[in-house]
Amino acid sequence: MLLQAAKFVGAGLSTMGLAGAGVGIGMVFASLVLGISRNPSMKDEMFRMAILGFALTEAIALFALMIVFLILFAV
């Protein structure tokens, strides 16, 4: 009973990584919009960097989600 409660608390705390990744993705694309508005000629280069930043930030979210599932369902 106590172990199950501890699993739920640990999984809930691990989901904070998902919120942080959401904020990070928002910051990546906000910076993209700001950069393109300042220098439209660099649009293609900035878009490639933004997609790379998005992928790396999303990877952190997937790692956090994987930890949540490991805490909940690992034997």
PDB file of N, CA and C in Angstrom:
ATOM      1  N   MET A   1       0.829  -1.195   0.000  1.00  0.00           N
ATOM      2  CA  MET A   1       0.000   0.000   0.000  1.00  0.00           C
ATOM      3  C   MET A   1       0.873   1.259   0.000  1.00  0.00           C
ATOM      4  N   LEU A   2       1.856   1.297   0.897  1.00  0.00           N
ATOM      5  CA  LEU A   2       2.752   2.449   0.971  1.00  0.00           C
ATOM      6  C   LEU A   2       3.640   2.532  -0.275  1.00  0.00           C
ATOM      7  N   LEU A   3       4.055   1.369  -0.765  1.00  0.00           N
ATOM      8  CA  LEU A   3       4.881   1.346  -1.979  1.00  0.00           C
ATOM      9  C   LEU A   3       4.091   1.885  -3.170  1.00  0.00           C
ATOM     10  N   GLN A   4       2.837   1.528  -3.282  1.00  0.00           N
ATOM     11  CA  GLN A   4       1.993   2.024  -4.381  1.00  0.00           C
ATOM     12  C   GLN A   4       1.821   3.540  -4.283  1.00  0.00           C
ATOM     13  N   ALA A   5       1.631   4.048  -3.089  1.00  0.00           N
ATOM     14  CA  ALA A   5       1.495   5.498  -2.904  1.00  0.00           C
ATOM     15  C   ALA A   5       2.797   6.207  -3.267  1.00  0.00           C
ATOM     16  N   ALA A   6       3.924   5.623  -2.892  1.00  0.00           N
ATOM     17  CA  ALA A   6       5.215   6.224  -3.225  1.00  0.00           C
ATOM     18  C   ALA A   6       5.442   6.224  -4.734  1.00  0.00           C
ATOM     19  N   LYS A   7       4.987   5.171  -5.421  1.00  0.00           N
ATOM     20  CA  LYS A   7       5.100   5.137  -6.881  1.00  0.00           C
ATOM     21  C   LYS A   7       4.303   6.273  -7.511  1.00  0.00           C
ATOM     22  N   PHE A   8       3.083   6.486  -7.012  1.00  0.00           N
ATOM     23  CA  PHE A   8       2.251   7.542  -7.580  1.00  0.00           C
ATOM     24  C   PHE A   8       2.850   8.922  -7.328  1.00  0.00           C
ATOM     25  N   VAL A   9       3.394   9.127  -6.146  1.00  0.00           N
ATOM     26  CA  VAL A   9       4.026  10.417  -5.840  1.00  0.00           C
ATOM     27  C   VAL A   9       5.255  10.624  -6.720  1.00  0.00           C
ATOM     28  N   GLY A  10       6.081   9.593  -6.872  1.00  0.00           N
ATOM     29  CA  GLY A  10       7.269   9.703  -7.717  1.00  0.00           C
ATOM     30  C   GLY A  10       6.917   9.947  -9.168  1.00  0.00           C
ATOM     31  N   ALA A  11       5.893   9.261  -9.660  1.00  0.00           N
ATOM     32  CA  ALA A  11       5.471   9.473 -11.045  1.00  0.00           C
ATOM     33  C   ALA A  11       4.913  10.877 -11.234  1.00  0.00           C
ATOM     34  N   GLY A  12       4.170  11.364 -10.260  1.00  0.00           N
ATOM     35  CA  GLY A  12       3.639  12.723 -10.353  1.00  0.00           C
ATOM     36  C   GLY A  12       4.738  13.767 -10.361  1.00  0.00           C
ATOM     37  N   LEU A  13       5.750  13.554  -9.533  1.00  0.00           N
ATOM     38  CA  LEU A  13       6.865  14.498  -9.519  1.00  0.00           C
ATOM     39  C   LEU A  13       7.682  14.431 -10.808  1.00  0.00           C
ATOM     40  N   SER A  14       7.749  13.250 -11.404  1.00  0.00           N
ATOM     41  CA  SER A  14       8.504  13.108 -12.649  1.00  0.00           C
ATOM     42  C   SER A  14       7.836  13.825 -13.818  1.00  0.00           C
ATOM     43  N   THR A  15       6.545  14.056 -13.725  1.00  0.00           N
ATOM     44  CA  THR A  15       5.859  14.742 -14.822  1.00  0.00           C
ATOM     45  C   THR A  15       6.211  16.228 -14.887  1.00  0.00           C
ATOM     46  N   MET A  16       6.906  16.743 -13.894  1.00  0.00           N
ATOM     47  CA  MET A  16       7.330  18.150 -13.965  1.00  0.00           C
ATOM     48  C   MET A  16       8.280  18.361 -15.132  1.00  0.00           C
ATOM     49  N   GLY A  17       8.989  17.310 -15.531  1.00  0.00           N
ATOM     50  CA  GLY A  17       9.844  17.419 -16.709  1.00  0.00           C
ATOM     51  C   GLY A  17       9.050  17.690 -17.971  1.00  0.00           C
ATOM     52  N   LEU A  18       7.835  17.194 -18.033  1.00  0.00           N
ATOM     53  CA  LEU A  18       6.980  17.449 -19.196  1.00  0.00           C
ATOM     54  C   LEU A  18       6.555  18.916 -19.254  1.00  0.00           C
ATOM     55  N   ALA A  19       6.263  19.495 -18.103  1.00  0.00           N
ATOM     56  CA  ALA A  19       5.894  20.917 -18.076  1.00  0.00           C
ATOM     57  C   ALA A  19       7.084  21.779 -18.487  1.00  0.00           C
ATOM     58  N   GLY A  20       8.266  21.417 -18.017  1.00  0.00           N
ATOM     59  CA  GLY A  20       9.465  22.164 -18.394  1.00  0.00           C
ATOM     60  C   GLY A  20       9.747  22.077 -19.878  1.00  0.00           C
ATOM     61  N   ALA A  21       9.507  20.910 -20.461  1.00  0.00           N
ATOM     62  CA  ALA A  21       9.713  20.757 -21.901  1.00  0.00           C
ATOM     63  C   ALA A  21       8.712  21.592 -22.687  1.00  0.00           C
ATOM     64  N   GLY A  22       7.487  21.683 -22.187  1.00  0.00           N
ATOM     65  CA  GLY A  22       6.490  22.530 -22.853  1.00  0.00           C
ATOM     66  C   GLY A  22       6.903  23.989 -22.861  1.00  0.00           C
ATOM     67  N   VAL A  23       7.424  24.437 -21.758  1.00  0.00           N
ATOM     68  CA  VAL A  23       7.922  25.820 -21.676  1.00  0.00           C
ATOM     69  C   VAL A  23       9.107  26.009 -22.622  1.00  0.00           C
ATOM     70  N   GLY A  24       9.984  25.025 -22.666  1.00  0.00           N
ATOM     71  CA  GLY A  24      11.160  25.106 -23.542  1.00  0.00           C
ATOM     72  C   GLY A  24      10.784  25.175 -25.006  1.00  0.00           C
ATOM     73  N   ILE A  25       9.815  24.372 -25.421  1.00  0.00           N
ATOM     74  CA  ILE A  25       9.371  24.395 -26.818  1.00  0.00           C
ATOM     75  C   ILE A  25       8.744  25.747 -27.148  1.00  0.00           C
ATOM     76  N   GLY A  26       7.973  26.281 -26.223  1.00  0.00           N
ATOM     77  CA  GLY A  26       7.396  27.611 -26.437  1.00  0.00           C
ATOM     78  C   GLY A  26       8.468  28.677 -26.592  1.00  0.00           C
ATOM     79  N   MET A  27       9.523  28.564 -25.800  1.00  0.00           N
ATOM     80  CA  MET A  27      10.611  29.542 -25.901  1.00  0.00           C
ATOM     81  C   MET A  27      11.365  29.411 -27.220  1.00  0.00           C
ATOM     82  N   VAL A  28      11.536  28.176 -27.705  1.00  0.00           N
ATOM     83  CA  VAL A  28      12.230  27.970 -28.977  1.00  0.00           C
ATOM     84  C   VAL A  28      11.482  28.671 -30.104  1.00  0.00           C
ATOM     85  N   PHE A  29      10.176  28.448 -30.184  1.00  0.00           N
ATOM     86  CA  PHE A  29       9.432  29.033 -31.292  1.00  0.00           C
ATOM     87  C   PHE A  29       9.163  30.521 -31.100  1.00  0.00           C
ATOM     88  N   ALA A  30       9.107  30.993 -29.863  1.00  0.00           N
ATOM     89  CA  ALA A  30       9.007  32.439 -29.639  1.00  0.00           C
ATOM     90  C   ALA A  30      10.277  33.132 -30.112  1.00  0.00           C
ATOM     91  N   SER A  31      11.416  32.508 -29.844  1.00  0.00           N
ATOM     92  CA  SER A  31      12.681  33.072 -30.311  1.00  0.00           C
ATOM     93  C   SER A  31      12.779  33.025 -31.832  1.00  0.00           C
ATOM     94  N   LEU A  32      12.212  31.975 -32.434  1.00  0.00           N
ATOM     95  CA  LEU A  32      12.207  31.890 -33.900  1.00  0.00           C
ATOM     96  C   LEU A  32      11.412  33.046 -34.498  1.00  0.00           C
ATOM     97  N   VAL A  33      10.241  33.310 -33.968  1.00  0.00           N
ATOM     98  CA  VAL A  33       9.409  34.400 -34.486  1.00  0.00           C
ATOM     99  C   VAL A  33      10.122  35.741 -34.305  1.00  0.00           C
ATOM    100  N   LEU A  34      10.732  35.937 -33.148  1.00  0.00           N
ATOM    101  CA  LEU A  34      11.444  37.183 -32.903  1.00  0.00           C
ATOM    102  C   LEU A  34      12.637  37.329 -33.840  1.00  0.00           C
ATOM    103  N   GLY A  35      13.384  36.243 -34.044  1.00  0.00           N
ATOM    104  CA  GLY A  35      14.544  36.294 -34.927  1.00  0.00           C
ATOM    105  C   GLY A  35      14.162  36.560 -36.367  1.00  0.00           C
ATOM    106  N   ILE A  36      13.098  35.926 -36.836  1.00  0.00           N
ATOM    107  CA  ILE A  36      12.672  36.150 -38.225  1.00  0.00           C
ATOM    108  C   ILE A  36      12.158  37.569 -38.409  1.00  0.00           C
ATOM    109  N   SER A  37      11.494  38.111 -37.390  1.00  0.00           N
ATOM    110  CA  SER A  37      11.006  39.483 -37.523  1.00  0.00           C
ATOM    111  C   SER A  37      12.157  40.488 -37.542  1.00  0.00           C
ATOM    112  N   ARG A  38      13.272  40.129 -36.916  1.00  0.00           N
ATOM    113  CA  ARG A  38      14.425  41.045 -36.921  1.00  0.00           C
ATOM    114  C   ARG A  38      15.275  40.900 -38.171  1.00  0.00           C
ATOM    115  N   ASN A  39      15.367  39.665 -38.705  1.00  0.00           N
ATOM    116  CA  ASN A  39      16.211  39.431 -39.865  1.00  0.00           C
ATOM    117  C   ASN A  39      15.536  38.410 -40.778  1.00  0.00           C
ATOM    118  N   PRO A  40      14.638  38.862 -41.633  1.00  0.00           N
ATOM    119  CA  PRO A  40      13.890  37.925 -42.473  1.00  0.00           C
ATOM    120  C   PRO A  40      14.750  37.150 -43.465  1.00  0.00           C
ATOM    121  N   SER A  41      15.892  37.663 -43.829  1.00  0.00           N
ATOM    122  CA  SER A  41      16.732  36.968 -44.815  1.00  0.00           C
ATOM    123  C   SER A  41      17.351  35.687 -44.249  1.00  0.00           C
ATOM    124  N   MET A  42      17.388  35.532 -42.932  1.00  0.00           N
ATOM    125  CA  MET A  42      17.961  34.339 -42.305  1.00  0.00           C
ATOM    126  C   MET A  42      16.885  33.322 -41.924  1.00  0.00           C
ATOM    127  N   LYS A  43      15.698  33.433 -42.546  1.00  0.00           N
ATOM    128  CA  LYS A  43      14.555  32.606 -42.157  1.00  0.00           C
ATOM    129  C   LYS A  43      14.849  31.118 -42.257  1.00  0.00           C
ATOM    130  N   ASP A  44      15.441  30.665 -43.344  1.00  0.00           N
ATOM    131  CA  ASP A  44      15.681  29.227 -43.526  1.00  0.00           C
ATOM    132  C   ASP A  44      16.678  28.682 -42.516  1.00  0.00           C
ATOM    133  N   GLU A  45      17.747  29.419 -42.280  1.00  0.00           N
ATOM    134  CA  GLU A  45      18.758  28.975 -41.312  1.00  0.00           C
ATOM    135  C   GLU A  45      18.183  28.933 -39.891  1.00  0.00           C
ATOM    136  N   MET A  46      17.424  29.965 -39.534  1.00  0.00           N
ATOM    137  CA  MET A  46      16.836  29.991 -38.190  1.00  0.00           C
ATOM    138  C   MET A  46      15.789  28.896 -38.019  1.00  0.00           C
ATOM    139  N   PHE A  47      15.049  28.594 -39.086  1.00  0.00           N
ATOM    140  CA  PHE A  47      14.046  27.541 -38.985  1.00  0.00           C
ATOM    141  C   PHE A  47      14.712  26.183 -38.752  1.00  0.00           C
ATOM    142  N   ARG A  48      15.819  25.929 -39.436  1.00  0.00           N
ATOM    143  CA  ARG A  48      16.539  24.672 -39.207  1.00  0.00           C
ATOM    144  C   ARG A  48      17.030  24.569 -37.768  1.00  0.00           C
ATOM    145  N   MET A  49      17.559  25.646 -37.235  1.00  0.00           N
ATOM    146  CA  MET A  49      18.022  25.631 -35.844  1.00  0.00           C
ATOM    147  C   MET A  49      16.856  25.469 -34.871  1.00  0.00           C
ATOM    148  N   ALA A  50      15.711  26.063 -35.202  1.00  0.00           N
ATOM    149  CA  ALA A  50      14.544  25.933 -34.330  1.00  0.00           C
ATOM    150  C   ALA A  50      14.033  24.494 -34.313  1.00  0.00           C
ATOM    151  N   ILE A  51      14.050  23.826 -35.459  1.00  0.00           N
ATOM    152  CA  ILE A  51      13.614  22.432 -35.509  1.00  0.00           C
ATOM    153  C   ILE A  51      14.574  21.553 -34.707  1.00  0.00           C
ATOM    154  N   LEU A  52      15.864  21.833 -34.773  1.00  0.00           N
ATOM    155  CA  LEU A  52      16.833  21.098 -33.963  1.00  0.00           C
ATOM    156  C   LEU A  52      16.576  21.338 -32.476  1.00  0.00           C
ATOM    157  N   GLY A  53      16.333  22.582 -32.097  1.00  0.00           N
ATOM    158  CA  GLY A  53      16.017  22.893 -30.702  1.00  0.00           C
ATOM    159  C   GLY A  53      14.737  22.237 -30.252  1.00  0.00           C
ATOM    160  N   PHE A  54      13.739  22.201 -31.128  1.00  0.00           N
ATOM    161  CA  PHE A  54      12.485  21.525 -30.811  1.00  0.00           C
ATOM    162  C   PHE A  54      12.713  20.037 -30.578  1.00  0.00           C
ATOM    163  N   ALA A  55      13.495  19.407 -31.438  1.00  0.00           N
ATOM    164  CA  ALA A  55      13.730  17.968 -31.319  1.00  0.00           C
ATOM    165  C   ALA A  55      14.469  17.636 -30.025  1.00  0.00           C
ATOM    166  N   LEU A  56      15.457  18.431 -29.678  1.00  0.00           N
ATOM    167  CA  LEU A  56      16.206  18.168 -28.457  1.00  0.00           C
ATOM    168  C   LEU A  56      15.355  18.404 -27.210  1.00  0.00           C
ATOM    169  N   THR A  57      14.534  19.421 -27.246  1.00  0.00           N
ATOM    170  CA  THR A  57      13.656  19.697 -26.107  1.00  0.00           C
ATOM    171  C   THR A  57      12.589  18.619 -25.973  1.00  0.00           C
ATOM    172  N   GLU A  58      12.060  18.170 -27.095  1.00  0.00           N
ATOM    173  CA  GLU A  58      11.054  17.112 -27.074  1.00  0.00           C
ATOM    174  C   GLU A  58      11.664  15.795 -26.589  1.00  0.00           C
ATOM    175  N   ALA A  59      12.932  15.581 -26.868  1.00  0.00           N
ATOM    176  CA  ALA A  59      13.599  14.370 -26.377  1.00  0.00           C
ATOM    177  C   ALA A  59      13.634  14.355 -24.848  1.00  0.00           C
ATOM    178  N   ILE A  60      13.840  15.507 -24.248  1.00  0.00           N
ATOM    179  CA  ILE A  60      13.820  15.584 -22.784  1.00  0.00           C
ATOM    180  C   ILE A  60      12.441  15.207 -22.255  1.00  0.00           C
ATOM    181  N   ALA A  61      11.389  15.664 -22.939  1.00  0.00           N
ATOM    182  CA  ALA A  61      10.030  15.316 -22.520  1.00  0.00           C
ATOM    183  C   ALA A  61       9.798  13.814 -22.645  1.00  0.00           C
ATOM    184  N   LEU A  62      10.294  13.218 -23.698  1.00  0.00           N
ATOM    185  CA  LEU A  62      10.115  11.776 -23.867  1.00  0.00           C
ATOM    186  C   LEU A  62      10.885  10.989 -22.817  1.00  0.00           C
ATOM    187  N   PHE A  63      12.061  11.471 -22.448  1.00  0.00           N
ATOM    188  CA  PHE A  63      12.819  10.804 -21.380  1.00  0.00           C
ATOM    189  C   PHE A  63      12.065  10.897 -20.056  1.00  0.00           C
ATOM    190  N   ALA A  64      11.487  12.044 -19.771  1.00  0.00           N
ATOM    191  CA  ALA A  64      10.717  12.198 -18.532  1.00  0.00           C
ATOM    192  C   ALA A  64       9.501  11.282 -18.538  1.00  0.00           C
ATOM    193  N   LEU A  65       8.832  11.182 -19.670  1.00  0.00           N
ATOM    194  CA  LEU A  65       7.680  10.297 -19.772  1.00  0.00           C
ATOM    195  C   LEU A  65       8.092   8.832 -19.616  1.00  0.00           C
ATOM    196  N   MET A  66       9.238   8.482 -20.163  1.00  0.00           N
ATOM    197  CA  MET A  66       9.740   7.119 -20.018  1.00  0.00           C
ATOM    198  C   MET A  66      10.011   6.801 -18.545  1.00  0.00           C
ATOM    199  N   ILE A  67      10.556   7.744 -17.809  1.00  0.00           N
ATOM    200  CA  ILE A  67      10.807   7.543 -16.382  1.00  0.00           C
ATOM    201  C   ILE A  67       9.496   7.352 -15.627  1.00  0.00           C
ATOM    202  N   VAL A  68       8.473   8.129 -15.994  1.00  0.00           N
ATOM    203  CA  VAL A  68       7.163   7.980 -15.353  1.00  0.00           C
ATOM    204  C   VAL A  68       6.642   6.563 -15.556  1.00  0.00           C
ATOM    205  N   PHE A  69       6.706   6.068 -16.787  1.00  0.00           N
ATOM    206  CA  PHE A  69       6.208   4.723 -17.054  1.00  0.00           C
ATOM    207  C   PHE A  69       7.055   3.663 -16.370  1.00  0.00           C
ATOM    208  N   LEU A  70       8.359   3.881 -16.284  1.00  0.00           N
ATOM    209  CA  LEU A  70       9.209   2.926 -15.573  1.00  0.00           C
ATOM    210  C   LEU A  70       8.852   2.886 -14.078  1.00  0.00           C
ATOM    211  N   ILE A  71       8.598   4.033 -13.500  1.00  0.00           N
ATOM    212  CA  ILE A  71       8.225   4.068 -12.080  1.00  0.00           C
ATOM    213  C   ILE A  71       6.897   3.359 -11.862  1.00  0.00           C
ATOM    214  N   LEU A  72       5.939   3.592 -12.738  1.00  0.00           N
ATOM    215  CA  LEU A  72       4.602   3.026 -12.530  1.00  0.00           C
ATOM    216  C   LEU A  72       4.507   1.533 -12.841  1.00  0.00           C
ATOM    217  N   PHE A  73       5.174   1.100 -13.902  1.00  0.00           N
ATOM    218  CA  PHE A  73       4.908  -0.249 -14.404  1.00  0.00           C
ATOM    219  C   PHE A  73       6.077  -1.225 -14.290  1.00  0.00           C
ATOM    220  N   ALA A  74       7.227  -0.779 -13.832  1.00  0.00           N
ATOM    221  CA  ALA A  74       8.350  -1.711 -13.665  1.00  0.00           C
ATOM    222  C   ALA A  74       8.109  -2.575 -12.422  1.00  0.00           C
ATOM    223  N   VAL A  75       8.536  -3.796 -12.511  1.00  0.00           N
ATOM    224  CA  VAL A  75       8.301  -4.733 -11.397  1.00  0.00           C
ATOM    225  C   VAL A  75       9.327  -4.520 -10.317  1.00  0.00           C
TER     226      VAL A  75
END
